[in-house]
Amino acid sequence: MTTYAMTMTACSRPGYLKQVLNSLSKNSGTEKYTLYFGVEPVNPEVAKVCQSVTFMKSHVTINPARLGVLRNPFELLKRTFDSGAEGVLYLEDDVVLSKDAVNMASWYFAQETKNNYLCMNLYNHDSAADADPAAMVGGAKFSALGMALTKEQWKTYFEPNWSNDRRGWDFSITALVESGKKVLQPRVSRSHHIGRQGGTHYYAPMHDKLYIHNPIWGGCLDNFKIEE
């Protein structure tokens, strides 16, 4: 049986984490997945929030030492794929989801052409509220704000290139896109970044400039279409 999973890194901001989990709990289809947490040993409340999840199957790993924003997601994804997952929906503790984000990931994993792409992003930098919410397109901009990737994509692209750029793993993956590899993404974003305070790379004015005008889909679909 094909196994699918979700991963979520968490560190020190339980308020944001609760909002993310609340948005995930409103999704249908979570029963097909196990949610694996990689928790930094920083804030005991964060660990308690992760351990209190009851709306879906979950597994919590509290790191023995702080791994940081480069190694924590890498070790979590590697652990999850090595445990037998064929596809993973990668999430973060300050990225909320639309009600059909899990449906979109499940649809993507069922596509025969999925490995023609680098991965599937939930976020679109050019999200347009008046676009067709069912439309998926091949894009040239990568986003770490929620992505679905297969074991083949992990082994081929993500694992060997993760640490190529000292600025962050997302810069390493962006370089692959800039070299010509496309991501699949919705015309209307299915994720949104809420971590405007207390993050490693974001501060409030920068966050507002980047994300305040990017809409997230408010409805719920269970089928999508690729537009070339």
C-alpha atoms as a PDB file:
ATOM      1  CA  MET A   1       0.000   0.000   0.000  1.00  0.00           C
ATOM      2  CA  THR A   2       1.306   3.440  -0.920  1.00  0.00           C
ATOM      3  CA  THR A   3       2.071   5.522   2.168  1.00  0.00           C
ATOM      4  CA  TYR A   4       1.713   9.294   2.322  1.00  0.00           C
ATOM      5  CA  ALA A   5       2.767  11.574   5.143  1.00  0.00           C
ATOM      6  CA  MET A   6       2.949  15.175   6.246  1.00  0.00           C
ATOM      7  CA  THR A   7       5.889  16.815   7.982  1.00  0.00           C
ATOM      8  CA  MET A   8       5.889  19.927  10.122  1.00  0.00           C
ATOM      9  CA  THR A   9       8.832  21.632  11.764  1.00  0.00           C
ATOM     10  CA  ALA A  10       8.153  23.550  14.976  1.00  0.00           C
ATOM     11  CA  CYS A  11      10.301  25.644  17.275  1.00  0.00           C
ATOM     12  CA  SER A  12       9.270  28.443  19.604  1.00  0.00           C
ATOM     13  CA  ARG A  13       5.959  30.058  18.583  1.00  0.00           C
ATOM     14  CA  PRO A  14       2.954  28.070  19.896  1.00  0.00           C
ATOM     15  CA  GLY A  15       0.452  30.758  18.897  1.00  0.00           C
ATOM     16  CA  TYR A  16       1.278  30.471  15.214  1.00  0.00           C
ATOM     17  CA  LEU A  17       1.489  26.679  15.467  1.00  0.00           C
ATOM     18  CA  LYS A  18      -2.048  26.475  16.879  1.00  0.00           C
ATOM     19  CA  GLN A  19      -3.381  28.545  13.972  1.00  0.00           C
ATOM     20  CA  VAL A  20      -1.651  26.280  11.457  1.00  0.00           C
ATOM     21  CA  LEU A  21      -2.984  23.109  13.061  1.00  0.00           C
ATOM     22  CA  ASN A  22      -6.459  24.608  13.222  1.00  0.00           C
ATOM     23  CA  SER A  23      -6.353  25.290   9.483  1.00  0.00           C
ATOM     24  CA  LEU A  24      -5.112  21.749   8.820  1.00  0.00           C
ATOM     25  CA  SER A  25      -7.884  20.251  10.967  1.00  0.00           C
ATOM     26  CA  LYS A  26     -10.490  21.843   8.672  1.00  0.00           C
ATOM     27  CA  ASN A  27      -9.177  19.852   5.705  1.00  0.00           C
ATOM     28  CA  SER A  28     -10.803  16.640   4.554  1.00  0.00           C
ATOM     29  CA  GLY A  29      -8.611  13.682   3.613  1.00  0.00           C
ATOM     30  CA  THR A  30      -6.203  13.917   6.537  1.00  0.00           C
ATOM     31  CA  GLU A  31      -7.070  10.329   7.492  1.00  0.00           C
ATOM     32  CA  LYS A  32      -4.864   9.165   4.592  1.00  0.00           C
ATOM     33  CA  TYR A  33      -1.782  10.710   6.171  1.00  0.00           C
ATOM     34  CA  THR A  34       0.388  10.572   9.266  1.00  0.00           C
ATOM     35  CA  LEU A  35       1.707  13.939  10.474  1.00  0.00           C
ATOM     36  CA  TYR A  36       5.357  13.800  11.568  1.00  0.00           C
ATOM     37  CA  PHE A  37       6.655  16.645  13.726  1.00  0.00           C
ATOM     38  CA  GLY A  38      10.281  17.708  14.080  1.00  0.00           C
ATOM     39  CA  VAL A  39      10.310  19.830  17.237  1.00  0.00           C
ATOM     40  CA  GLU A  40      13.246  21.896  18.415  1.00  0.00           C
ATOM     41  CA  PRO A  41      13.914  21.568  22.201  1.00  0.00           C
ATOM     42  CA  VAL A  42      13.251  25.252  22.869  1.00  0.00           C
ATOM     43  CA  ASN A  43       9.701  25.813  24.123  1.00  0.00           C
ATOM     44  CA  PRO A  44       7.884  23.100  26.147  1.00  0.00           C
ATOM     45  CA  GLU A  45       4.492  24.523  25.159  1.00  0.00           C
ATOM     46  CA  VAL A  46       5.275  23.899  21.478  1.00  0.00           C
ATOM     47  CA  ALA A  47       5.966  20.241  22.192  1.00  0.00           C
ATOM     48  CA  LYS A  48       2.700  19.969  24.160  1.00  0.00           C
ATOM     49  CA  VAL A  49       0.724  21.478  21.286  1.00  0.00           C
ATOM     50  CA  CYS A  50       2.209  18.937  18.862  1.00  0.00           C
ATOM     51  CA  GLN A  51       1.564  16.058  21.241  1.00  0.00           C
ATOM     52  CA  SER A  52      -2.082  17.133  21.684  1.00  0.00           C
ATOM     53  CA  VAL A  53      -3.091  16.597  18.038  1.00  0.00           C
ATOM     54  CA  THR A  54      -6.124  14.299  17.882  1.00  0.00           C
ATOM     55  CA  PHE A  55      -7.762  15.064  14.528  1.00  0.00           C
ATOM     56  CA  MET A  56      -5.313  12.831  12.619  1.00  0.00           C
ATOM     57  CA  LYS A  57      -2.545  10.310  13.158  1.00  0.00           C
ATOM     58  CA  SER A  58       0.671  11.957  14.277  1.00  0.00           C
ATOM     59  CA  HIS A  59       4.167  11.223  15.533  1.00  0.00           C
ATOM     60  CA  VAL A  60       6.295  13.710  17.469  1.00  0.00           C
ATOM     61  CA  THR A  61      10.092  13.731  17.510  1.00  0.00           C
ATOM     62  CA  ILE A  62      11.704  16.221  19.866  1.00  0.00           C
ATOM     63  CA  ASN A  63      15.244  16.834  18.692  1.00  0.00           C
ATOM     64  CA  PRO A  64      17.935  16.033  21.306  1.00  0.00           C
ATOM     65  CA  ALA A  65      19.664  19.294  20.373  1.00  0.00           C
ATOM     66  CA  ARG A  66      18.602  22.295  18.314  1.00  0.00           C
ATOM     67  CA  LEU A  67      19.157  21.574  14.615  1.00  0.00           C
ATOM     68  CA  GLY A  68      18.235  24.937  13.115  1.00  0.00           C
ATOM     69  CA  VAL A  69      16.252  25.960  10.046  1.00  0.00           C
ATOM     70  CA  LEU A  70      18.572  24.091   7.679  1.00  0.00           C
ATOM     71  CA  ARG A  71      18.969  20.716   9.373  1.00  0.00           C
ATOM     72  CA  ASN A  72      15.636  20.302  11.177  1.00  0.00           C
ATOM     73  CA  PRO A  73      13.479  20.071   8.032  1.00  0.00           C
ATOM     74  CA  PHE A  74      16.153  18.020   6.260  1.00  0.00           C
ATOM     75  CA  GLU A  75      16.404  15.436   9.031  1.00  0.00           C
ATOM     76  CA  LEU A  76      12.606  15.324   9.351  1.00  0.00           C
ATOM     77  CA  LEU A  77      12.045  14.760   5.638  1.00  0.00           C
ATOM     78  CA  LYS A  78      14.833  12.188   5.424  1.00  0.00           C
ATOM     79  CA  ARG A  79      13.440  10.314   8.422  1.00  0.00           C
ATOM     80  CA  THR A  80       9.954  10.332   6.942  1.00  0.00           C
ATOM     81  CA  PHE A  81      10.963   9.123   3.482  1.00  0.00           C
ATOM     82  CA  ASP A  82      13.319   6.522   4.958  1.00  0.00           C
ATOM     83  CA  SER A  83      10.409   5.191   7.022  1.00  0.00           C
ATOM     84  CA  GLY A  84       8.582   4.259   3.815  1.00  0.00           C
ATOM     85  CA  ALA A  85       6.609   7.325   2.697  1.00  0.00           C
ATOM     86  CA  GLU A  86       6.207   7.599  -1.075  1.00  0.00           C
ATOM     87  CA  GLY A  87       4.926  11.163  -0.917  1.00  0.00           C
ATOM     88  CA  VAL A  88       5.162  13.925   1.677  1.00  0.00           C
ATOM     89  CA  LEU A  89       3.241  17.149   2.156  1.00  0.00           C
ATOM     90  CA  TYR A  90       5.827  19.476   3.743  1.00  0.00           C
ATOM     91  CA  LEU A  91       4.392  22.065   6.134  1.00  0.00           C
ATOM     92  CA  GLU A  92       5.783  24.695   8.517  1.00  0.00           C
ATOM     93  CA  ASP A  93       4.537  26.031  11.839  1.00  0.00           C
ATOM     94  CA  ASP A  94       3.703  29.507  10.538  1.00  0.00           C
ATOM     95  CA  VAL A  95       1.987  28.644   7.257  1.00  0.00           C
ATOM     96  CA  VAL A  96      -1.808  28.308   7.323  1.00  0.00           C
ATOM     97  CA  LEU A  97      -3.696  26.272   4.735  1.00  0.00           C
ATOM     98  CA  SER A  98      -6.847  26.507   2.691  1.00  0.00           C
ATOM     99  CA  LYS A  99      -9.560  23.906   3.320  1.00  0.00           C
ATOM    100  CA  ASP A 100      -8.569  21.961   0.208  1.00  0.00           C
ATOM    101  CA  ALA A 101      -4.776  21.963   0.550  1.00  0.00           C
ATOM    102  CA  VAL A 102      -4.729  18.268   1.510  1.00  0.00           C
ATOM    103  CA  ASN A 103      -7.073  17.445  -1.374  1.00  0.00           C
ATOM    104  CA  MET A 104      -4.638  19.194  -3.702  1.00  0.00           C
ATOM    105  CA  ALA A 105      -1.698  17.155  -2.385  1.00  0.00           C
ATOM    106  CA  SER A 106      -3.638  13.890  -2.758  1.00  0.00           C
ATOM    107  CA  TRP A 107      -4.622  14.841  -6.296  1.00  0.00           C
ATOM    108  CA  TYR A 108      -1.006  15.621  -7.119  1.00  0.00           C
ATOM    109  CA  PHE A 109       0.279  12.308  -5.785  1.00  0.00           C
ATOM    110  CA  ALA A 110      -2.230  10.518  -8.041  1.00  0.00           C
ATOM    111  CA  GLN A 111      -0.971  12.206 -11.225  1.00  0.00           C
ATOM    112  CA  GLU A 112       1.154  10.123 -13.599  1.00  0.00           C
ATOM    113  CA  THR A 113       3.055  13.273 -14.624  1.00  0.00           C
ATOM    114  CA  LYS A 114       3.936  14.397 -11.077  1.00  0.00           C
ATOM    115  CA  ASN A 115       7.627  13.576 -11.385  1.00  0.00           C
ATOM    116  CA  ASN A 116       7.925  15.794 -14.456  1.00  0.00           C
ATOM    117  CA  TYR A 117       8.070  18.640 -11.951  1.00  0.00           C
ATOM    118  CA  LEU A 118      10.432  19.552  -9.147  1.00  0.00           C
ATOM    119  CA  CYS A 119       7.520  19.386  -6.684  1.00  0.00           C
ATOM    120  CA  MET A 120       4.086  20.911  -6.173  1.00  0.00           C
ATOM    121  CA  ASN A 121       3.849  24.206  -4.289  1.00  0.00           C
ATOM    122  CA  LEU A 122       0.771  25.258  -2.337  1.00  0.00           C
ATOM    123  CA  TYR A 123       1.820  28.895  -2.607  1.00  0.00           C
ATOM    124  CA  ASN A 124       1.954  31.014  -5.744  1.00  0.00           C
ATOM    125  CA  HIS A 125       3.897  34.295  -5.608  1.00  0.00           C
ATOM    126  CA  ASP A 126       1.555  35.642  -8.289  1.00  0.00           C
ATOM    127  CA  SER A 127      -1.693  34.339  -6.804  1.00  0.00           C
ATOM    128  CA  ALA A 128      -4.740  36.020  -8.311  1.00  0.00           C
ATOM    129  CA  ALA A 129      -8.099  36.003  -6.521  1.00  0.00           C
ATOM    130  CA  ASP A 130     -10.032  36.121  -9.808  1.00  0.00           C
ATOM    131  CA  ALA A 131      -8.186  33.142 -11.379  1.00  0.00           C
ATOM    132  CA  ASP A 132      -9.665  29.667 -11.824  1.00  0.00           C
ATOM    133  CA  PRO A 133      -9.151  28.006  -8.397  1.00  0.00           C
ATOM    134  CA  ALA A 134      -8.980  24.542  -9.993  1.00  0.00           C
ATOM    135  CA  ALA A 135      -6.173  25.510 -12.384  1.00  0.00           C
ATOM    136  CA  MET A 136      -2.623  24.250 -11.842  1.00  0.00           C
ATOM    137  CA  VAL A 137       0.284  25.601 -13.867  1.00  0.00           C
ATOM    138  CA  GLY A 138       3.977  24.957 -14.308  1.00  0.00           C
ATOM    139  CA  GLY A 139       5.813  27.832 -12.655  1.00  0.00           C
ATOM    140  CA  ALA A 140       9.329  29.226 -12.463  1.00  0.00           C
ATOM    141  CA  LYS A 141       9.156  30.447  -8.841  1.00  0.00           C
ATOM    142  CA  PHE A 142       9.713  28.068  -5.943  1.00  0.00           C
ATOM    143  CA  SER A 143       8.144  28.564  -2.512  1.00  0.00           C
ATOM    144  CA  ALA A 144       8.797  26.724   0.737  1.00  0.00           C
ATOM    145  CA  LEU A 145       5.332  27.674   2.060  1.00  0.00           C
ATOM    146  CA  GLY A 146       3.899  24.175   1.749  1.00  0.00           C
ATOM    147  CA  MET A 147       4.928  21.688  -0.897  1.00  0.00           C
ATOM    148  CA  ALA A 148       4.180  18.131  -1.960  1.00  0.00           C
ATOM    149  CA  LEU A 149       7.055  15.984  -3.161  1.00  0.00           C
ATOM    150  CA  THR A 150       7.555  12.335  -3.979  1.00  0.00           C
ATOM    151  CA  LYS A 151      10.323  10.044  -2.836  1.00  0.00           C
ATOM    152  CA  GLU A 152      11.821  10.231  -6.336  1.00  0.00           C
ATOM    153  CA  GLN A 153      11.860  14.034  -6.225  1.00  0.00           C
ATOM    154  CA  TRP A 154      13.401  13.961  -2.758  1.00  0.00           C
ATOM    155  CA  LYS A 155      16.184  11.591  -3.812  1.00  0.00           C
ATOM    156  CA  THR A 156      16.835  13.272  -7.168  1.00  0.00           C
ATOM    157  CA  TYR A 157      16.579  16.972  -6.362  1.00  0.00           C
ATOM    158  CA  PHE A 158      16.087  17.872  -2.705  1.00  0.00           C
ATOM    159  CA  GLU A 159      18.359  15.575  -0.720  1.00  0.00           C
ATOM    160  CA  PRO A 160      21.540  16.021  -2.804  1.00  0.00           C
ATOM    161  CA  ASN A 161      21.131  19.792  -3.222  1.00  0.00           C
ATOM    162  CA  TRP A 162      19.703  20.808   0.173  1.00  0.00           C
ATOM    163  CA  SER A 163      22.842  22.486   1.520  1.00  0.00           C
ATOM    164  CA  ASN A 164      24.214  24.004  -1.683  1.00  0.00           C
ATOM    165  CA  ASP A 165      23.462  27.596  -0.651  1.00  0.00           C
ATOM    166  CA  ARG A 166      24.569  28.923   2.724  1.00  0.00           C
ATOM    167  CA  ARG A 167      21.648  31.376   2.822  1.00  0.00           C
ATOM    168  CA  GLY A 168      19.120  28.546   3.209  1.00  0.00           C
ATOM    169  CA  TRP A 169      17.811  25.347   1.661  1.00  0.00           C
ATOM    170  CA  ASP A 170      15.059  27.178  -0.221  1.00  0.00           C
ATOM    171  CA  PHE A 171      17.745  29.146  -2.077  1.00  0.00           C
ATOM    172  CA  SER A 172      19.308  25.831  -3.109  1.00  0.00           C
ATOM    173  CA  ILE A 173      16.016  24.592  -4.514  1.00  0.00           C
ATOM    174  CA  THR A 174      15.286  27.947  -6.157  1.00  0.00           C
ATOM    175  CA  ALA A 175      18.547  27.547  -8.073  1.00  0.00           C
ATOM    176  CA  LEU A 176      17.192  24.332  -9.594  1.00  0.00           C
ATOM    177  CA  VAL A 177      14.095  26.196 -10.759  1.00  0.00           C
ATOM    178  CA  GLU A 178      16.221  28.965 -12.212  1.00  0.00           C
ATOM    179  CA  SER A 179      18.154  26.338 -14.163  1.00  0.00           C
ATOM    180  CA  GLY A 180      14.930  25.284 -15.885  1.00  0.00           C
ATOM    181  CA  LYS A 181      13.108  22.813 -13.627  1.00  0.00           C
ATOM    182  CA  LYS A 182       9.470  23.822 -13.111  1.00  0.00           C
ATOM    183  CA  VAL A 183       7.255  23.483 -10.062  1.00  0.00           C
ATOM    184  CA  LEU A 184       3.538  22.787 -10.301  1.00  0.00           C
ATOM    185  CA  GLN A 185       1.451  25.389  -8.499  1.00  0.00           C
ATOM    186  CA  PRO A 186      -2.160  26.568  -8.210  1.00  0.00           C
ATOM    187  CA  ARG A 187      -3.185  29.811  -9.825  1.00  0.00           C
ATOM    188  CA  VAL A 188      -4.686  30.756  -6.447  1.00  0.00           C
ATOM    189  CA  SER A 189      -2.518  30.028  -3.385  1.00  0.00           C
ATOM    190  CA  ARG A 190      -3.523  27.294  -0.923  1.00  0.00           C
ATOM    191  CA  SER A 191      -1.187  28.536   1.807  1.00  0.00           C
ATOM    192  CA  HIS A 192      -0.345  31.816   3.464  1.00  0.00           C
ATOM    193  CA  HIS A 193       2.517  32.885   5.721  1.00  0.00           C
ATOM    194  CA  ILE A 194       1.452  34.294   9.097  1.00  0.00           C
ATOM    195  CA  GLY A 195       4.799  34.365  10.927  1.00  0.00           C
ATOM    196  CA  ARG A 196       5.404  38.096  10.853  1.00  0.00           C
ATOM    197  CA  GLN A 197       7.124  38.150  14.260  1.00  0.00           C
ATOM    198  CA  GLY A 198       9.776  36.033  15.938  1.00  0.00           C
ATOM    199  CA  GLY A 199      10.983  34.131  12.881  1.00  0.00           C
ATOM    200  CA  THR A 200      14.523  33.442  11.753  1.00  0.00           C
ATOM    201  CA  HIS A 201      14.384  35.254   8.417  1.00  0.00           C
ATOM    202  CA  TYR A 202      11.317  37.510   8.629  1.00  0.00           C
ATOM    203  CA  TYR A 203      10.529  40.736  10.483  1.00  0.00           C
ATOM    204  CA  ALA A 204       7.140  42.425  10.446  1.00  0.00           C
ATOM    205  CA  PRO A 205       7.607  45.204   7.818  1.00  0.00           C
ATOM    206  CA  MET A 206       9.308  42.791   5.419  1.00  0.00           C
ATOM    207  CA  HIS A 207       6.607  40.184   6.003  1.00  0.00           C
ATOM    208  CA  ASP A 208       3.827  42.674   5.328  1.00  0.00           C
ATOM    209  CA  LYS A 209       5.449  43.849   2.114  1.00  0.00           C
ATOM    210  CA  LEU A 210       5.807  40.280   0.828  1.00  0.00           C
ATOM    211  CA  TYR A 211       2.519  38.691   1.862  1.00  0.00           C
ATOM    212  CA  ILE A 212      -0.230  41.163   2.690  1.00  0.00           C
ATOM    213  CA  HIS A 213      -1.592  41.338  -0.872  1.00  0.00           C
ATOM    214  CA  ASN A 214      -1.345  37.635  -1.761  1.00  0.00           C
ATOM    215  CA  PRO A 215      -4.780  35.974  -1.565  1.00  0.00           C
ATOM    216  CA  ILE A 216      -5.466  32.429  -0.355  1.00  0.00           C
ATOM    217  CA  TRP A 217      -8.367  30.389  -1.719  1.00  0.00           C
ATOM    218  CA  GLY A 218     -11.282  30.353   0.691  1.00  0.00           C
ATOM    219  CA  GLY A 219     -13.301  27.507  -0.796  1.00  0.00           C
ATOM    220  CA  CYS A 220     -12.787  23.766  -1.036  1.00  0.00           C
ATOM    221  CA  LEU A 221     -12.274  21.685  -4.178  1.00  0.00           C
ATOM    222  CA  ASP A 222     -11.446  18.017  -4.605  1.00  0.00           C
ATOM    223  CA  ASN A 223     -10.353  17.985  -8.246  1.00  0.00           C
ATOM    224  CA  PHE A 224      -7.897  20.079 -10.195  1.00  0.00           C
ATOM    225  CA  LYS A 225      -6.575  20.462 -13.746  1.00  0.00           C
ATOM    226  CA  ILE A 226      -3.186  21.189 -15.230  1.00  0.00           C
ATOM    227  CA  GLU A 227      -3.077  24.075 -17.689  1.00  0.00           C
ATOM    228  CA  GLU A 228      -0.020  24.075 -19.958  1.00  0.00           C
END
